[in-house]
Amino acid sequence: RDPGSSSFGARHFPVGRSLLQNAHS
């Protein structure tokens, strides 16, 4: 299951949003 989904049960922390080509790094 996607760890980012609410049903996964992890705590989320803010990271913001980057341009698509840069987001993963």
mmCIF file of all heavy atoms, coordinates in Angstrom:
data_MODEL
# 
_entry.id   MODEL 
# 
loop_
_atom_site.group_PDB 
_atom_site.id 
_atom_site.type_symbol 
_atom_site.label_atom_id 
_atom_site.label_alt_id 
_atom_site.label_comp_id 
_atom_site.label_asym_id 
_atom_site.label_entity_id 
_atom_site.label_seq_id 
_atom_site.pdbx_PDB_ins_code 
_atom_site.Cartn_x 
_atom_site.Cartn_y 
_atom_site.Cartn_z 
_atom_site.occupancy 
_atom_site.B_iso_or_equiv 
_atom_site.pdbx_formal_charge 
_atom_site.auth_seq_id 
_atom_site.auth_comp_id 
_atom_site.auth_asym_id 
_atom_site.auth_atom_id 
_atom_site.pdbx_PDB_model_num 
ATOM 1   N N   . ARG A 1 1  ? 0.832  -1.208 0.000   1.00 0.00 ? 1  ARG A N   1 
ATOM 2   C CA  . ARG A 1 1  ? 0.000  0.000  0.000   1.00 0.00 ? 1  ARG A CA  1 
ATOM 3   C C   . ARG A 1 1  ? 0.864  1.253  0.000   1.00 0.00 ? 1  ARG A C   1 
ATOM 4   O O   . ARG A 1 1  ? 1.946  1.289  0.584   1.00 0.00 ? 1  ARG A O   1 
ATOM 5   C CB  . ARG A 1 1  ? -0.913 -0.025 1.232   1.00 0.00 ? 1  ARG A CB  1 
ATOM 6   C CG  . ARG A 1 1  ? -1.885 1.159  1.308   1.00 0.00 ? 1  ARG A CG  1 
ATOM 7   C CD  . ARG A 1 1  ? -2.859 0.952  2.448   1.00 0.00 ? 1  ARG A CD  1 
ATOM 8   N NE  . ARG A 1 1  ? -3.727 -0.206 2.176   1.00 0.00 ? 1  ARG A NE  1 
ATOM 9   C CZ  . ARG A 1 1  ? -4.422 -0.850 3.117   1.00 0.00 ? 1  ARG A CZ  1 
ATOM 10  N NH1 . ARG A 1 1  ? -4.331 -0.470 4.376   1.00 0.00 ? 1  ARG A NH1 1 
ATOM 11  N NH2 . ARG A 1 1  ? -5.178 -1.880 2.782   1.00 0.00 ? 1  ARG A NH2 1 
ATOM 12  N N   . ASP A 1 2  ? 0.408  2.289  -0.665  1.00 0.00 ? 2  ASP A N   1 
ATOM 13  C CA  . ASP A 1 2  ? 1.115  3.564  -0.731  1.00 0.00 ? 2  ASP A CA  1 
ATOM 14  C C   . ASP A 1 2  ? 1.346  4.087  0.687   1.00 0.00 ? 2  ASP A C   1 
ATOM 15  O O   . ASP A 1 2  ? 0.393  4.344  1.423   1.00 0.00 ? 2  ASP A O   1 
ATOM 16  C CB  . ASP A 1 2  ? 0.276  4.567  -1.530  1.00 0.00 ? 2  ASP A CB  1 
ATOM 17  C CG  . ASP A 1 2  ? 0.939  5.930  -1.614  1.00 0.00 ? 2  ASP A CG  1 
ATOM 18  O OD1 . ASP A 1 2  ? 2.085  6.085  -1.151  1.00 0.00 ? 2  ASP A OD1 1 
ATOM 19  O OD2 . ASP A 1 2  ? 0.296  6.852  -2.157  1.00 0.00 ? 2  ASP A OD2 1 
ATOM 20  N N   . PRO A 1 3  ? 2.611  4.254  1.117   1.00 0.00 ? 3  PRO A N   1 
ATOM 21  C CA  . PRO A 1 3  ? 2.869  4.750  2.470   1.00 0.00 ? 3  PRO A CA  1 
ATOM 22  C C   . PRO A 1 3  ? 2.287  6.129  2.726   1.00 0.00 ? 3  PRO A C   1 
ATOM 23  O O   . PRO A 1 3  ? 2.060  6.513  3.879   1.00 0.00 ? 3  PRO A O   1 
ATOM 24  C CB  . PRO A 1 3  ? 4.396  4.778  2.551   1.00 0.00 ? 3  PRO A CB  1 
ATOM 25  C CG  . PRO A 1 3  ? 4.856  3.849  1.492   1.00 0.00 ? 3  PRO A CG  1 
ATOM 26  C CD  . PRO A 1 3  ? 3.838  3.939  0.390   1.00 0.00 ? 3  PRO A CD  1 
ATOM 27  N N   . GLY A 1 4  ? 2.032  6.877  1.637   1.00 0.00 ? 4  GLY A N   1 
ATOM 28  C CA  . GLY A 1 4  ? 1.459  8.208  1.809   1.00 0.00 ? 4  GLY A CA  1 
ATOM 29  C C   . GLY A 1 4  ? -0.034 8.223  2.014   1.00 0.00 ? 4  GLY A C   1 
ATOM 30  O O   . GLY A 1 4  ? -0.612 9.270  2.345   1.00 0.00 ? 4  GLY A O   1 
ATOM 31  N N   . SER A 1 5  ? -0.701 7.082  1.851   1.00 0.00 ? 5  SER A N   1 
ATOM 32  C CA  . SER A 1 5  ? -2.147 7.038  2.037   1.00 0.00 ? 5  SER A CA  1 
ATOM 33  C C   . SER A 1 5  ? -2.490 7.026  3.526   1.00 0.00 ? 5  SER A C   1 
ATOM 34  O O   . SER A 1 5  ? -1.733 6.513  4.350   1.00 0.00 ? 5  SER A O   1 
ATOM 35  C CB  . SER A 1 5  ? -2.735 5.794  1.363   1.00 0.00 ? 5  SER A CB  1 
ATOM 36  O OG  . SER A 1 5  ? -2.296 4.620  2.024   1.00 0.00 ? 5  SER A OG  1 
ATOM 37  N N   . SER A 1 6  ? -3.638 7.580  3.850   1.00 0.00 ? 6  SER A N   1 
ATOM 38  C CA  . SER A 1 6  ? -4.048 7.645  5.256   1.00 0.00 ? 6  SER A CA  1 
ATOM 39  C C   . SER A 1 6  ? -4.257 6.256  5.843   1.00 0.00 ? 6  SER A C   1 
ATOM 40  O O   . SER A 1 6  ? -4.054 6.035  7.044   1.00 0.00 ? 6  SER A O   1 
ATOM 41  C CB  . SER A 1 6  ? -5.334 8.469  5.386   1.00 0.00 ? 6  SER A CB  1 
ATOM 42  O OG  . SER A 1 6  ? -6.366 7.893  4.587   1.00 0.00 ? 6  SER A OG  1 
ATOM 43  N N   . SER A 1 7  ? -4.629 5.285  5.019   1.00 0.00 ? 7  SER A N   1 
ATOM 44  C CA  . SER A 1 7  ? -4.891 3.935  5.506   1.00 0.00 ? 7  SER A CA  1 
ATOM 45  C C   . SER A 1 7  ? -3.602 3.182  5.850   1.00 0.00 ? 7  SER A C   1 
ATOM 46  O O   . SER A 1 7  ? -3.658 2.135  6.497   1.00 0.00 ? 7  SER A O   1 
ATOM 47  C CB  . SER A 1 7  ? -5.682 3.139  4.469   1.00 0.00 ? 7  SER A CB  1 
ATOM 48  O OG  . SER A 1 7  ? -4.981 3.094  3.237   1.00 0.00 ? 7  SER A OG  1 
ATOM 49  N N   . PHE A 1 8  ? -2.450 3.699  5.440   1.00 0.00 ? 8  PHE A N   1 
ATOM 50  C CA  . PHE A 1 8  ? -1.191 3.029  5.762   1.00 0.00 ? 8  PHE A CA  1 
ATOM 51  C C   . PHE A 1 8  ? -0.842 3.188  7.239   1.00 0.00 ? 8  PHE A C   1 
ATOM 52  O O   . PHE A 1 8  ? -0.202 2.315  7.828   1.00 0.00 ? 8  PHE A O   1 
ATOM 53  C CB  . PHE A 1 8  ? -0.063 3.573  4.889   1.00 0.00 ? 8  PHE A CB  1 
ATOM 54  C CG  . PHE A 1 8  ? 1.257  2.882  5.109   1.00 0.00 ? 8  PHE A CG  1 
ATOM 55  C CD1 . PHE A 1 8  ? 1.512  1.649  4.525   1.00 0.00 ? 8  PHE A CD1 1 
ATOM 56  C CD2 . PHE A 1 8  ? 2.237  3.455  5.907   1.00 0.00 ? 8  PHE A CD2 1 
ATOM 57  C CE1 . PHE A 1 8  ? 2.723  1.003  4.726   1.00 0.00 ? 8  PHE A CE1 1 
ATOM 58  C CE2 . PHE A 1 8  ? 3.449  2.820  6.119   1.00 0.00 ? 8  PHE A CE2 1 
ATOM 59  C CZ  . PHE A 1 8  ? 3.695  1.590  5.529   1.00 0.00 ? 8  PHE A CZ  1 
ATOM 60  N N   . GLY A 1 9  ? -1.215 4.308  7.827   1.00 0.00 ? 9  GLY A N   1 
ATOM 61  C CA  . GLY A 1 9  ? -1.021 4.480  9.266   1.00 0.00 ? 9  GLY A CA  1 
ATOM 62  C C   . GLY A 1 9  ? 0.269  5.144  9.690   1.00 0.00 ? 9  GLY A C   1 
ATOM 63  O O   . GLY A 1 9  ? 0.613  5.122  10.878  1.00 0.00 ? 9  GLY A O   1 
ATOM 64  N N   . ALA A 1 10 ? 1.015  5.748  8.748   1.00 0.00 ? 10 ALA A N   1 
ATOM 65  C CA  . ALA A 1 10 ? 2.240  6.457  9.114   1.00 0.00 ? 10 ALA A CA  1 
ATOM 66  C C   . ALA A 1 10 ? 1.931  7.919  9.435   1.00 0.00 ? 10 ALA A C   1 
ATOM 67  O O   . ALA A 1 10 ? 0.879  8.444  9.074   1.00 0.00 ? 10 ALA A O   1 
ATOM 68  C CB  . ALA A 1 10 ? 3.244  6.380  7.977   1.00 0.00 ? 10 ALA A CB  1 
ATOM 69  N N   . ARG A 1 11 ? 2.863  8.566  10.109  1.00 0.00 ? 11 ARG A N   1 
ATOM 70  C CA  . ARG A 1 11 ? 2.736  10.007 10.362  1.00 0.00 ? 11 ARG A CA  1 
ATOM 71  C C   . ARG A 1 11 ? 3.349  10.762 9.179   1.00 0.00 ? 11 ARG A C   1 
ATOM 72  O O   . ARG A 1 11 ? 4.394  10.389 8.655   1.00 0.00 ? 11 ARG A O   1 
ATOM 73  C CB  . ARG A 1 11 ? 3.461  10.394 11.650  1.00 0.00 ? 11 ARG A CB  1 
ATOM 74  C CG  . ARG A 1 11 ? 2.863  9.763  12.888  1.00 0.00 ? 11 ARG A CG  1 
ATOM 75  C CD  . ARG A 1 11 ? 3.631  10.126 14.143  1.00 0.00 ? 11 ARG A CD  1 
ATOM 76  N NE  . ARG A 1 11 ? 3.443  11.511 14.527  1.00 0.00 ? 11 ARG A NE  1 
ATOM 77  C CZ  . ARG A 1 11 ? 3.983  12.063 15.620  1.00 0.00 ? 11 ARG A CZ  1 
ATOM 78  N NH1 . ARG A 1 11 ? 4.752  11.327 16.420  1.00 0.00 ? 11 ARG A NH1 1 
ATOM 79  N NH2 . ARG A 1 11 ? 3.771  13.322 15.920  1.00 0.00 ? 11 ARG A NH2 1 
ATOM 80  N N   . HIS A 1 12 ? 2.702  11.831 8.782   1.00 0.00 ? 12 HIS A N   1 
ATOM 81  C CA  . HIS A 1 12 ? 3.176  12.621 7.648   1.00 0.00 ? 12 HIS A CA  1 
ATOM 82  C C   . HIS A 1 12 ? 3.880  13.872 8.149   1.00 0.00 ? 12 HIS A C   1 
ATOM 83  O O   . HIS A 1 12 ? 3.487  14.463 9.149   1.00 0.00 ? 12 HIS A O   1 
ATOM 84  C CB  . HIS A 1 12 ? 2.002  13.019 6.747   1.00 0.00 ? 12 HIS A CB  1 
ATOM 85  C CG  . HIS A 1 12 ? 1.400  11.857 6.015   1.00 0.00 ? 12 HIS A CG  1 
ATOM 86  N ND1 . HIS A 1 12 ? 1.434  11.742 4.645   1.00 0.00 ? 12 HIS A ND1 1 
ATOM 87  C CD2 . HIS A 1 12 ? 0.777  10.742 6.457   1.00 0.00 ? 12 HIS A CD2 1 
ATOM 88  C CE1 . HIS A 1 12 ? 0.850  10.620 4.281   1.00 0.00 ? 12 HIS A CE1 1 
ATOM 89  N NE2 . HIS A 1 12 ? 0.432  9.993  5.373   1.00 0.00 ? 12 HIS A NE2 1 
ATOM 90  N N   . PHE A 1 13 ? 4.923  14.261 7.424   1.00 0.00 ? 13 PHE A N   1 
ATOM 91  C CA  . PHE A 1 13 ? 5.572  15.532 7.743   1.00 0.00 ? 13 PHE A CA  1 
ATOM 92  C C   . PHE A 1 13 ? 5.637  16.382 6.479   1.00 0.00 ? 13 PHE A C   1 
ATOM 93  O O   . PHE A 1 13 ? 5.752  15.851 5.366   1.00 0.00 ? 13 PHE A O   1 
ATOM 94  C CB  . PHE A 1 13 ? 6.962  15.328 8.350   1.00 0.00 ? 13 PHE A CB  1 
ATOM 95  C CG  . PHE A 1 13 ? 7.985  14.707 7.433   1.00 0.00 ? 13 PHE A CG  1 
ATOM 96  C CD1 . PHE A 1 13 ? 8.857  15.491 6.684   1.00 0.00 ? 13 PHE A CD1 1 
ATOM 97  C CD2 . PHE A 1 13 ? 8.100  13.320 7.332   1.00 0.00 ? 13 PHE A CD2 1 
ATOM 98  C CE1 . PHE A 1 13 ? 9.805  14.916 5.850   1.00 0.00 ? 13 PHE A CE1 1 
ATOM 99  C CE2 . PHE A 1 13 ? 9.048  12.744 6.507   1.00 0.00 ? 13 PHE A CE2 1 
ATOM 100 C CZ  . PHE A 1 13 ? 9.905  13.539 5.766   1.00 0.00 ? 13 PHE A CZ  1 
ATOM 101 N N   . PRO A 1 14 ? 5.538  17.703 6.610   1.00 0.00 ? 14 PRO A N   1 
ATOM 102 C CA  . PRO A 1 14 ? 5.470  18.588 5.443   1.00 0.00 ? 14 PRO A CA  1 
ATOM 103 C C   . PRO A 1 14 ? 6.795  18.618 4.679   1.00 0.00 ? 14 PRO A C   1 
ATOM 104 O O   . PRO A 1 14 ? 7.874  18.670 5.275   1.00 0.00 ? 14 PRO A O   1 
ATOM 105 C CB  . PRO A 1 14 ? 5.165  19.969 6.048   1.00 0.00 ? 14 PRO A CB  1 
ATOM 106 C CG  . PRO A 1 14 ? 4.682  19.685 7.434   1.00 0.00 ? 14 PRO A CG  1 
ATOM 107 C CD  . PRO A 1 14 ? 5.358  18.444 7.873   1.00 0.00 ? 14 PRO A CD  1 
ATOM 108 N N   . VAL A 1 15 ? 6.717  18.581 3.363   1.00 0.00 ? 15 VAL A N   1 
ATOM 109 C CA  . VAL A 1 15 ? 7.913  18.697 2.530   1.00 0.00 ? 15 VAL A CA  1 
ATOM 110 C C   . VAL A 1 15 ? 7.758  19.741 1.432   1.00 0.00 ? 15 VAL A C   1 
ATOM 111 O O   . VAL A 1 15 ? 8.733  20.112 0.787   1.00 0.00 ? 15 VAL A O   1 
ATOM 112 C CB  . VAL A 1 15 ? 8.287  17.342 1.890   1.00 0.00 ? 15 VAL A CB  1 
ATOM 113 C CG1 . VAL A 1 15 ? 8.589  16.300 2.945   1.00 0.00 ? 15 VAL A CG1 1 
ATOM 114 C CG2 . VAL A 1 15 ? 7.193  16.851 0.962   1.00 0.00 ? 15 VAL A CG2 1 
ATOM 115 N N   . GLY A 1 16 ? 6.550  20.198 1.172   1.00 0.00 ? 16 GLY A N   1 
ATOM 116 C CA  . GLY A 1 16 ? 6.351  21.201 0.132   1.00 0.00 ? 16 GLY A CA  1 
ATOM 117 C C   . GLY A 1 16 ? 6.195  20.585 -1.240  1.00 0.00 ? 16 GLY A C   1 
ATOM 118 O O   . GLY A 1 16 ? 5.982  19.381 -1.399  1.00 0.00 ? 16 GLY A O   1 
ATOM 119 N N   . ARG A 1 17 ? 6.320  21.420 -2.250  1.00 0.00 ? 17 ARG A N   1 
ATOM 120 C CA  . ARG A 1 17 ? 6.150  20.978 -3.635  1.00 0.00 ? 17 ARG A CA  1 
ATOM 121 C C   . ARG A 1 17 ? 7.249  21.599 -4.485  1.00 0.00 ? 17 ARG A C   1 
ATOM 122 O O   . ARG A 1 17 ? 7.501  22.799 -4.427  1.00 0.00 ? 17 ARG A O   1 
ATOM 123 C CB  . ARG A 1 17 ? 4.777  21.392 -4.170  1.00 0.00 ? 17 ARG A CB  1 
ATOM 124 C CG  . ARG A 1 17 ? 4.574  21.063 -5.653  1.00 0.00 ? 17 ARG A CG  1 
ATOM 125 C CD  . ARG A 1 17 ? 3.233  21.535 -6.165  1.00 0.00 ? 17 ARG A CD  1 
ATOM 126 N NE  . ARG A 1 17 ? 2.144  20.733 -5.629  1.00 0.00 ? 17 ARG A NE  1 
ATOM 127 C CZ  . ARG A 1 17 ? 0.857  20.994 -5.870  1.00 0.00 ? 17 ARG A CZ  1 
ATOM 128 N NH1 . ARG A 1 17 ? 0.523  22.044 -6.601  1.00 0.00 ? 17 ARG A NH1 1 
ATOM 129 N NH2 . ARG A 1 17 ? -0.080 20.215 -5.367  1.00 0.00 ? 17 ARG A NH2 1 
ATOM 130 N N   . SER A 1 18 ? 7.882  20.762 -5.304  1.00 0.00 ? 18 SER A N   1 
ATOM 131 C CA  . SER A 1 18 ? 8.933  21.218 -6.212  1.00 0.00 ? 18 SER A CA  1 
ATOM 132 C C   . SER A 1 18 ? 8.474  21.019 -7.650  1.00 0.00 ? 18 SER A C   1 
ATOM 133 O O   . SER A 1 18 ? 7.435  20.398 -7.911  1.00 0.00 ? 18 SER A O   1 
ATOM 134 C CB  . SER A 1 18 ? 10.228 20.424 -5.975  1.00 0.00 ? 18 SER A CB  1 
ATOM 135 O OG  . SER A 1 18 ? 10.644 20.526 -4.627  1.00 0.00 ? 18 SER A OG  1 
ATOM 136 N N   . LEU A 1 19 ? 9.269  21.534 -8.572  1.00 0.00 ? 19 LEU A N   1 
ATOM 137 C CA  . LEU A 1 19 ? 8.980  21.279 -9.975  1.00 0.00 ? 19 LEU A CA  1 
ATOM 138 C C   . LEU A 1 19 ? 9.052  19.781 -10.238 1.00 0.00 ? 19 LEU A C   1 
ATOM 139 O O   . LEU A 1 19 ? 9.832  19.057 -9.620  1.00 0.00 ? 19 LEU A O   1 
ATOM 140 C CB  . LEU A 1 19 ? 9.984  22.012 -10.861 1.00 0.00 ? 19 LEU A CB  1 
ATOM 141 C CG  . LEU A 1 19 ? 9.941  23.543 -10.802 1.00 0.00 ? 19 LEU A CG  1 
ATOM 142 C CD1 . LEU A 1 19 ? 11.055 24.128 -11.643 1.00 0.00 ? 19 LEU A CD1 1 
ATOM 143 C CD2 . LEU A 1 19 ? 8.594  24.063 -11.260 1.00 0.00 ? 19 LEU A CD2 1 
ATOM 144 N N   . LEU A 1 20 ? 8.240  19.321 -11.173 1.00 0.00 ? 20 LEU A N   1 
ATOM 145 C CA  . LEU A 1 20 ? 8.117  17.894 -11.439 1.00 0.00 ? 20 LEU A CA  1 
ATOM 146 C C   . LEU A 1 20 ? 9.469  17.232 -11.658 1.00 0.00 ? 20 LEU A C   1 
ATOM 147 O O   . LEU A 1 20 ? 9.745  16.154 -11.118 1.00 0.00 ? 20 LEU A O   1 
ATOM 148 C CB  . LEU A 1 20 ? 7.213  17.680 -12.660 1.00 0.00 ? 20 LEU A CB  1 
ATOM 149 C CG  . LEU A 1 20 ? 6.945  16.220 -13.055 1.00 0.00 ? 20 LEU A CG  1 
ATOM 150 C CD1 . LEU A 1 20 ? 6.156  15.515 -11.971 1.00 0.00 ? 20 LEU A CD1 1 
ATOM 151 C CD2 . LEU A 1 20 ? 6.183  16.163 -14.387 1.00 0.00 ? 20 LEU A CD2 1 
ATOM 152 N N   . GLN A 1 21 ? 10.341 17.865 -12.424 1.00 0.00 ? 21 GLN A N   1 
ATOM 153 C CA  . GLN A 1 21 ? 11.612 17.244 -12.763 1.00 0.00 ? 21 GLN A CA  1 
ATOM 154 C C   . GLN A 1 21 ? 12.572 17.199 -11.579 1.00 0.00 ? 21 GLN A C   1 
ATOM 155 O O   . GLN A 1 21 ? 13.565 16.457 -11.608 1.00 0.00 ? 21 GLN A O   1 
ATOM 156 C CB  . GLN A 1 21 ? 12.281 17.957 -13.944 1.00 0.00 ? 21 GLN A CB  1 
ATOM 157 C CG  . GLN A 1 21 ? 12.694 19.405 -13.682 1.00 0.00 ? 21 GLN A CG  1 
ATOM 158 C CD  . GLN A 1 21 ? 11.603 20.385 -14.071 1.00 0.00 ? 21 GLN A CD  1 
ATOM 159 O OE1 . GLN A 1 21 ? 10.419 20.051 -14.004 1.00 0.00 ? 21 GLN A OE1 1 
ATOM 160 N NE2 . GLN A 1 21 ? 11.998 21.573 -14.498 1.00 0.00 ? 21 GLN A NE2 1 
ATOM 161 N N   . ASN A 1 22 ? 12.310 17.986 -10.536 1.00 0.00 ? 22 ASN A N   1 
ATOM 162 C CA  . ASN A 1 22 ? 13.199 18.029 -9.368  1.00 0.00 ? 22 ASN A CA  1 
ATOM 163 C C   . ASN A 1 22 ? 12.622 17.338 -8.142  1.00 0.00 ? 22 ASN A C   1 
ATOM 164 O O   . ASN A 1 22 ? 13.340 17.107 -7.161  1.00 0.00 ? 22 ASN A O   1 
ATOM 165 C CB  . ASN A 1 22 ? 13.507 19.489 -8.995  1.00 0.00 ? 22 ASN A CB  1 
ATOM 166 C CG  . ASN A 1 22 ? 14.165 20.247 -10.127 1.00 0.00 ? 22 ASN A CG  1 
ATOM 167 O OD1 . ASN A 1 22 ? 14.922 19.669 -10.906 1.00 0.00 ? 22 ASN A OD1 1 
ATOM 168 N ND2 . ASN A 1 22 ? 13.877 21.532 -10.229 1.00 0.00 ? 22 ASN A ND2 1 
ATOM 169 N N   . ALA A 1 23 ? 11.331 17.028 -8.181  1.00 0.00 ? 23 ALA A N   1 
ATOM 170 C CA  . ALA A 1 23 ? 10.622 16.648 -6.963  1.00 0.00 ? 23 ALA A CA  1 
ATOM 171 C C   . ALA A 1 23 ? 11.222 15.434 -6.270  1.00 0.00 ? 23 ALA A C   1 
ATOM 172 O O   . ALA A 1 23 ? 11.360 15.407 -5.041  1.00 0.00 ? 23 ALA A O   1 
ATOM 173 C CB  . ALA A 1 23 ? 9.147  16.403 -7.282  1.00 0.00 ? 23 ALA A CB  1 
ATOM 174 N N   . HIS A 1 24 ? 11.595 14.413 -7.045  1.00 0.00 ? 24 HIS A N   1 
ATOM 175 C CA  . HIS A 1 24 ? 12.025 13.162 -6.410  1.00 0.00 ? 24 HIS A CA  1 
ATOM 176 C C   . HIS A 1 24 ? 13.350 13.294 -5.670  1.00 0.00 ? 24 HIS A C   1 
ATOM 177 O O   . HIS A 1 24 ? 13.629 12.515 -4.760  1.00 0.00 ? 24 HIS A O   1 
ATOM 178 C CB  . HIS A 1 24 ? 12.125 12.056 -7.468  1.00 0.00 ? 24 HIS A CB  1 
ATOM 179 C CG  . HIS A 1 24 ? 12.323 10.697 -6.883  1.00 0.00 ? 24 HIS A CG  1 
ATOM 180 N ND1 . HIS A 1 24 ? 11.461 10.155 -5.954  1.00 0.00 ? 24 HIS A ND1 1 
ATOM 181 C CD2 . HIS A 1 24 ? 13.293 9.757  -7.086  1.00 0.00 ? 24 HIS A CD2 1 
ATOM 182 C CE1 . HIS A 1 24 ? 11.886 8.946  -5.609  1.00 0.00 ? 24 HIS A CE1 1 
ATOM 183 N NE2 . HIS A 1 24 ? 12.990 8.691  -6.277  1.00 0.00 ? 24 HIS A NE2 1 
ATOM 184 N N   . SER A 1 25 ? 14.160 14.284 -6.024  1.00 0.00 ? 25 SER A N   1 
ATOM 185 C CA  . SER A 1 25 ? 15.462 14.470 -5.368  1.00 0.00 ? 25 SER A CA  1 
ATOM 186 C C   . SER A 1 25 ? 15.510 15.734 -4.518  1.00 0.00 ? 25 SER A C   1 
ATOM 187 O O   . SER A 1 25 ? 16.590 16.160 -4.107  1.00 0.00 ? 25 SER A O   1 
ATOM 188 C CB  . SER A 1 25 ? 16.575 14.512 -6.424  1.00 0.00 ? 25 SER A CB  1 
ATOM 189 O OG  . SER A 1 25 ? 16.346 15.565 -7.343  1.00 0.00 ? 25 SER A OG  1 
# 
